[in-house]
Amino acid sequence: MLESPQVIVIIQARLGSSRLPGKSRLPLPLGAVGNAATILGHVVRRAQRAASTKTIMVATTTQPLDDELATLAISLGATVFRGDEQDVLGRFAGALAQAGPADTVVRLTADNPALDPVFLDKAVAHHLVSGADYTHTTGLPLGTNIEVMQTSALRRAHAEARQSDEREHVTPYLRRHPELFRVETLALTVSPAVAALRLTVDYPSDYALLSLLFTELGPAFSLTDPAGLPALVGRYPWLADINRHNEQVRA
């Protein structure tokens, strides 16, 4: 019998945001209590709910500011790797080395608390069946698409990438070199009103929208439950206007 592929989730996180300082430890919704109710807590819990994932790691920085973030991650049941603040690709490679044997990496960021475990599992399944080196999803709301890659591809990118944006953003080297890596795009579908939402946290208005959604729908809401998010946006289409004009910060 073949062994199941070992899938590791690595969540990049730091507290040094200039637009919304300390955002990963903010409560969601506003006023919620407990480590699991922080933005990072929601990312970790949703990753833990995915059937395809076994190990959850938080890759944060060696900056003293992130001591608190490392402690928070451990309290949530994640393991922690700490590395260079700017060389995030190097941080991922270091996290892999610390984690031990793994075949596949799911890359998440700590400012995307609405990721859907169902779509995470679909992305991993498609990646494994296709034999891709790197798979990314499209069609989901901003902040909920998924990236999956082979550990061998990530290690090669770490060894060869030289451009600053390739080090800071982890996957550009993979996307830029189709002659070296097999890249797969998985198109996923949600309702158009849901797909138009901005569900990442870079600005106070992003936090305001997600706080409202988590208040109304609860911490485990999905992107597709007809009685949940699609129905809420159908009743209040202006929800998308709360943060529509925010400039996207590339993660």
Protein backbone atom coordinates (compact mmCIF):
# COMPACT_ATOMS: atom_id res chain seq x y z
CA MET A 1 0.00 0.00 0.00
CA LEU A 2 1.31 3.43 -0.92
CA GLU A 3 1.77 5.87 1.94
CA SER A 4 -0.34 9.00 1.88
CA PRO A 5 1.61 12.12 0.90
CA GLN A 6 2.72 14.18 3.87
CA VAL A 7 1.20 17.63 3.56
CA ILE A 8 2.46 20.50 5.69
CA VAL A 9 0.76 23.88 6.00
CA ILE A 10 3.12 26.82 6.51
CA ILE A 11 1.51 30.09 7.57
CA GLN A 12 3.67 33.17 7.17
CA ALA A 13 3.04 35.72 9.89
CA ARG A 14 4.49 38.82 11.49
CA LEU A 15 3.21 41.64 13.65
CA GLY A 16 5.12 44.46 11.94
CA SER A 17 2.37 45.66 9.61
CA SER A 18 2.48 49.38 8.82
CA ARG A 19 -1.18 49.63 7.74
CA LEU A 20 -2.72 47.66 10.61
CA PRO A 21 -0.10 46.98 13.30
CA GLY A 22 -0.43 43.73 15.23
CA LYS A 23 -3.27 42.54 13.00
CA SER A 24 -2.60 38.81 13.45
CA ARG A 25 -3.48 39.02 17.14
CA LEU A 26 -6.60 41.18 16.71
CA PRO A 27 -9.82 39.52 17.92
CA LEU A 28 -12.28 38.45 15.26
CA PRO A 29 -15.01 39.49 15.58
CA LEU A 30 -14.26 42.67 17.51
CA GLY A 31 -14.65 41.96 21.21
CA ALA A 32 -14.13 38.18 20.94
CA VAL A 33 -12.02 36.62 23.68
CA GLY A 34 -9.40 33.87 23.54
CA ASN A 35 -6.39 32.94 21.41
CA ALA A 36 -8.51 30.92 18.97
CA ALA A 37 -10.55 34.05 18.24
CA THR A 38 -7.55 36.03 16.98
CA ILE A 39 -7.03 36.43 13.24
CA LEU A 40 -4.11 33.98 13.41
CA GLY A 41 -6.26 31.66 15.50
CA HIS A 42 -8.91 31.50 12.78
CA VAL A 43 -6.29 30.76 10.09
CA VAL A 44 -4.79 27.94 12.17
CA ARG A 45 -8.18 26.47 13.13
CA ARG A 46 -9.44 26.48 9.54
CA ALA A 47 -6.23 24.83 8.33
CA GLN A 48 -6.60 22.21 11.07
CA ARG A 49 -10.12 21.42 9.84
CA ALA A 50 -8.86 20.42 6.39
CA ALA A 51 -8.73 16.64 5.97
CA SER A 52 -5.56 16.71 3.86
CA THR A 53 -3.31 18.50 6.35
CA LYS A 54 -1.37 16.93 9.20
CA THR A 55 1.18 19.50 10.30
CA ILE A 56 0.56 23.22 10.79
CA MET A 57 3.57 25.53 11.13
CA VAL A 58 3.73 29.27 11.66
CA ALA A 59 6.79 30.83 10.04
CA THR A 60 7.41 34.14 11.76
CA THR A 61 10.44 36.37 12.17
CA THR A 62 13.27 36.62 14.66
CA GLN A 63 12.23 40.16 15.55
CA PRO A 64 11.46 40.63 19.28
CA LEU A 65 8.07 42.04 18.27
CA ASP A 66 7.11 38.55 17.07
CA ASP A 67 7.89 36.79 20.35
CA GLU A 68 4.22 37.20 21.25
CA LEU A 69 3.16 35.79 17.89
CA ALA A 70 5.30 32.68 18.39
CA THR A 71 3.75 32.12 21.81
CA LEU A 72 0.27 32.57 20.35
CA ALA A 73 0.97 30.04 17.58
CA ILE A 74 2.16 27.41 20.05
CA SER A 75 -0.96 27.92 22.17
CA LEU A 76 -3.03 27.13 19.07
CA GLY A 77 -1.29 23.80 18.53
CA ALA A 78 0.98 24.92 15.69
CA THR A 79 4.73 24.49 15.59
CA VAL A 80 6.87 27.57 15.02
CA PHE A 81 9.88 28.45 12.89
CA ARG A 82 11.53 31.84 13.14
CA GLY A 83 13.67 33.31 10.39
CA ASP A 84 14.58 36.41 8.42
CA GLU A 85 11.88 39.07 8.22
CA GLN A 86 12.44 39.97 4.55
CA ASP A 87 13.58 36.62 3.13
CA VAL A 88 10.27 34.81 3.43
CA LEU A 89 11.30 32.15 0.91
CA GLY A 90 14.27 31.39 3.15
CA ARG A 91 11.92 31.28 6.10
CA PHE A 92 9.80 28.65 4.35
CA ALA A 93 12.87 26.59 3.51
CA GLY A 94 13.97 26.78 7.14
CA ALA A 95 10.51 25.74 8.32
CA LEU A 96 10.66 22.71 6.01
CA ALA A 97 14.07 21.72 7.32
CA GLN A 98 12.78 21.93 10.89
CA ALA A 99 9.57 20.03 10.10
CA GLY A 100 11.27 16.92 8.75
CA PRO A 101 9.93 14.69 5.96
CA ALA A 102 7.17 16.25 3.87
CA ASP A 103 6.15 15.95 0.24
CA THR A 104 3.81 18.88 -0.22
CA VAL A 105 3.50 22.41 1.17
CA VAL A 106 0.39 24.55 1.44
CA ARG A 107 1.28 28.22 1.72
CA LEU A 108 -1.07 30.41 3.77
CA THR A 109 -0.75 33.88 5.25
CA ALA A 110 -1.87 35.04 8.66
CA ASP A 111 -4.07 37.84 7.33
CA ASN A 112 -6.56 35.58 5.51
CA PRO A 113 -8.93 34.27 8.20
CA ALA A 114 -11.79 33.28 5.87
CA LEU A 115 -10.01 30.51 3.97
CA ASP A 116 -12.31 27.57 3.36
CA PRO A 117 -11.00 24.11 4.40
CA VAL A 118 -13.12 22.46 1.69
CA PHE A 119 -11.31 24.39 -1.03
CA LEU A 120 -7.95 23.77 0.64
CA ASP A 121 -8.62 20.03 0.36
CA LYS A 122 -9.71 20.42 -3.27
CA ALA A 123 -6.50 22.29 -4.10
CA VAL A 124 -4.32 19.64 -2.47
CA ALA A 125 -6.20 16.80 -4.17
CA HIS A 126 -5.91 18.44 -7.59
CA HIS A 127 -2.22 19.15 -7.02
CA LEU A 128 -1.46 15.55 -6.11
CA VAL A 129 -3.47 14.03 -8.97
CA SER A 130 -1.99 16.39 -11.57
CA GLY A 131 1.61 15.78 -10.56
CA ALA A 132 2.26 19.52 -10.57
CA ASP A 133 5.18 21.26 -8.90
CA TYR A 134 3.04 24.28 -8.08
CA THR A 135 -0.74 24.71 -8.03
CA HIS A 136 -2.70 27.88 -7.39
CA THR A 137 -6.43 28.41 -7.32
CA THR A 138 -8.46 31.15 -8.94
CA GLY A 139 -12.09 32.23 -8.72
CA LEU A 140 -12.35 32.64 -4.95
CA PRO A 141 -12.61 35.92 -3.03
CA LEU A 142 -9.37 37.79 -2.49
CA GLY A 143 -7.73 36.29 0.58
CA THR A 144 -9.11 32.77 0.16
CA ASN A 145 -7.26 31.31 -2.82
CA ILE A 146 -4.75 28.53 -2.09
CA GLU A 147 -1.16 27.79 -3.16
CA VAL A 148 0.24 24.24 -3.05
CA MET A 149 3.74 23.17 -4.04
CA GLN A 150 6.10 20.24 -3.90
CA THR A 151 8.80 20.57 -1.28
CA SER A 152 11.41 19.78 -3.93
CA ALA A 153 10.22 22.75 -5.99
CA LEU A 154 10.26 25.06 -2.99
CA ARG A 155 13.79 23.98 -2.10
CA ARG A 156 14.96 24.56 -5.67
CA ALA A 157 13.40 28.01 -5.67
CA HIS A 158 15.19 28.76 -2.40
CA ALA A 159 18.51 27.69 -3.91
CA GLU A 160 18.13 29.58 -7.19
CA ALA A 161 15.92 32.66 -6.64
CA ARG A 162 17.88 35.91 -6.60
CA GLN A 163 15.37 38.74 -7.17
CA SER A 164 14.20 40.53 -4.03
CA ASP A 165 10.52 39.96 -4.80
CA GLU A 166 11.22 36.26 -5.35
CA ARG A 167 12.64 36.05 -1.84
CA GLU A 168 9.95 38.19 -0.21
CA HIS A 169 6.89 36.62 -1.86
CA VAL A 170 7.90 32.90 -1.95
CA THR A 171 6.29 31.71 -5.20
CA PRO A 172 7.17 34.17 -8.04
CA TYR A 173 10.22 32.10 -9.02
CA LEU A 174 8.00 29.06 -9.55
CA ARG A 175 5.51 30.98 -11.69
CA ARG A 176 8.23 32.66 -13.76
CA HIS A 177 9.96 29.44 -14.78
CA PRO A 178 7.50 27.08 -16.51
CA GLU A 179 10.50 25.45 -18.17
CA LEU A 180 11.61 24.26 -14.72
CA PHE A 181 8.32 23.69 -12.92
CA ARG A 182 4.95 22.28 -13.90
CA VAL A 183 2.41 24.92 -12.90
CA GLU A 184 -1.29 24.13 -12.54
CA THR A 185 -4.19 26.57 -12.21
CA LEU A 186 -7.32 25.23 -10.52
CA ALA A 187 -10.41 27.30 -11.28
CA LEU A 188 -12.93 27.15 -8.43
CA THR A 189 -16.43 28.56 -8.37
CA VAL A 190 -18.47 30.49 -5.82
CA SER A 191 -21.35 32.88 -6.39
CA PRO A 192 -20.32 36.08 -8.23
CA ALA A 193 -21.31 38.23 -5.23
CA VAL A 194 -19.06 36.18 -2.93
CA ALA A 195 -16.20 36.10 -5.44
CA ALA A 196 -16.25 39.91 -5.54
CA LEU A 197 -15.55 40.23 -1.81
CA ARG A 198 -12.19 41.25 -0.39
CA LEU A 199 -11.58 38.85 2.53
CA THR A 200 -8.02 39.68 3.49
CA VAL A 201 -6.87 42.04 6.26
CA ASP A 202 -4.49 44.84 5.30
CA TYR A 203 -6.48 47.90 6.37
CA PRO A 204 -8.93 48.84 9.16
CA SER A 205 -11.85 48.64 6.72
CA ASP A 206 -10.83 45.06 5.81
CA TYR A 207 -10.98 44.21 9.50
CA ALA A 208 -14.36 45.94 9.80
CA LEU A 209 -15.89 43.81 7.03
CA LEU A 210 -14.54 40.54 8.40
CA SER A 211 -15.59 41.45 11.93
CA LEU A 212 -19.12 41.97 10.66
CA LEU A 213 -19.09 38.66 8.76
CA PHE A 214 -17.74 36.69 11.71
CA THR A 215 -20.33 38.31 13.99
CA GLU A 216 -23.22 37.44 11.70
CA LEU A 217 -22.10 34.03 10.46
CA GLY A 218 -19.91 32.59 13.22
CA PRO A 219 -16.27 31.45 13.14
CA ALA A 220 -16.71 28.45 10.82
CA PHE A 221 -18.69 29.99 7.97
CA SER A 222 -18.02 28.62 4.50
CA LEU A 223 -17.87 30.40 1.17
CA THR A 224 -20.61 28.28 -0.36
CA ASP A 225 -23.33 27.49 2.23
CA PRO A 226 -26.40 29.04 0.54
CA ALA A 227 -27.91 30.08 3.87
CA GLY A 228 -24.68 31.73 5.01
CA LEU A 229 -22.34 34.12 3.21
CA PRO A 230 -24.09 34.05 -0.21
CA ALA A 231 -27.43 34.83 1.44
CA LEU A 232 -25.96 37.60 3.59
CA VAL A 233 -24.30 39.31 0.62
CA GLY A 234 -27.51 38.86 -1.35
CA ARG A 235 -29.46 40.76 1.30
CA TYR A 236 -26.79 43.43 1.77
CA PRO A 237 -24.86 43.85 -1.49
CA TRP A 238 -23.25 47.02 -0.13
CA LEU A 239 -21.06 44.84 2.11
CA ALA A 240 -18.57 44.60 -0.76
CA ASP A 241 -18.28 48.40 -0.76
CA ILE A 242 -16.87 48.53 2.78
CA ASN A 243 -13.34 47.78 1.58
CA ARG A 244 -13.67 47.57 -2.20
CA HIS A 245 -11.28 50.44 -2.89
CA ASN A 246 -8.39 49.22 -0.76
CA GLU A 247 -5.16 48.74 -2.67
CA GLN A 248 -4.10 45.12 -2.64
CA VAL A 249 -0.82 44.44 -0.84
CA ARG A 250 0.95 41.51 -2.43
CA ALA A 251 1.68 38.76 0.11
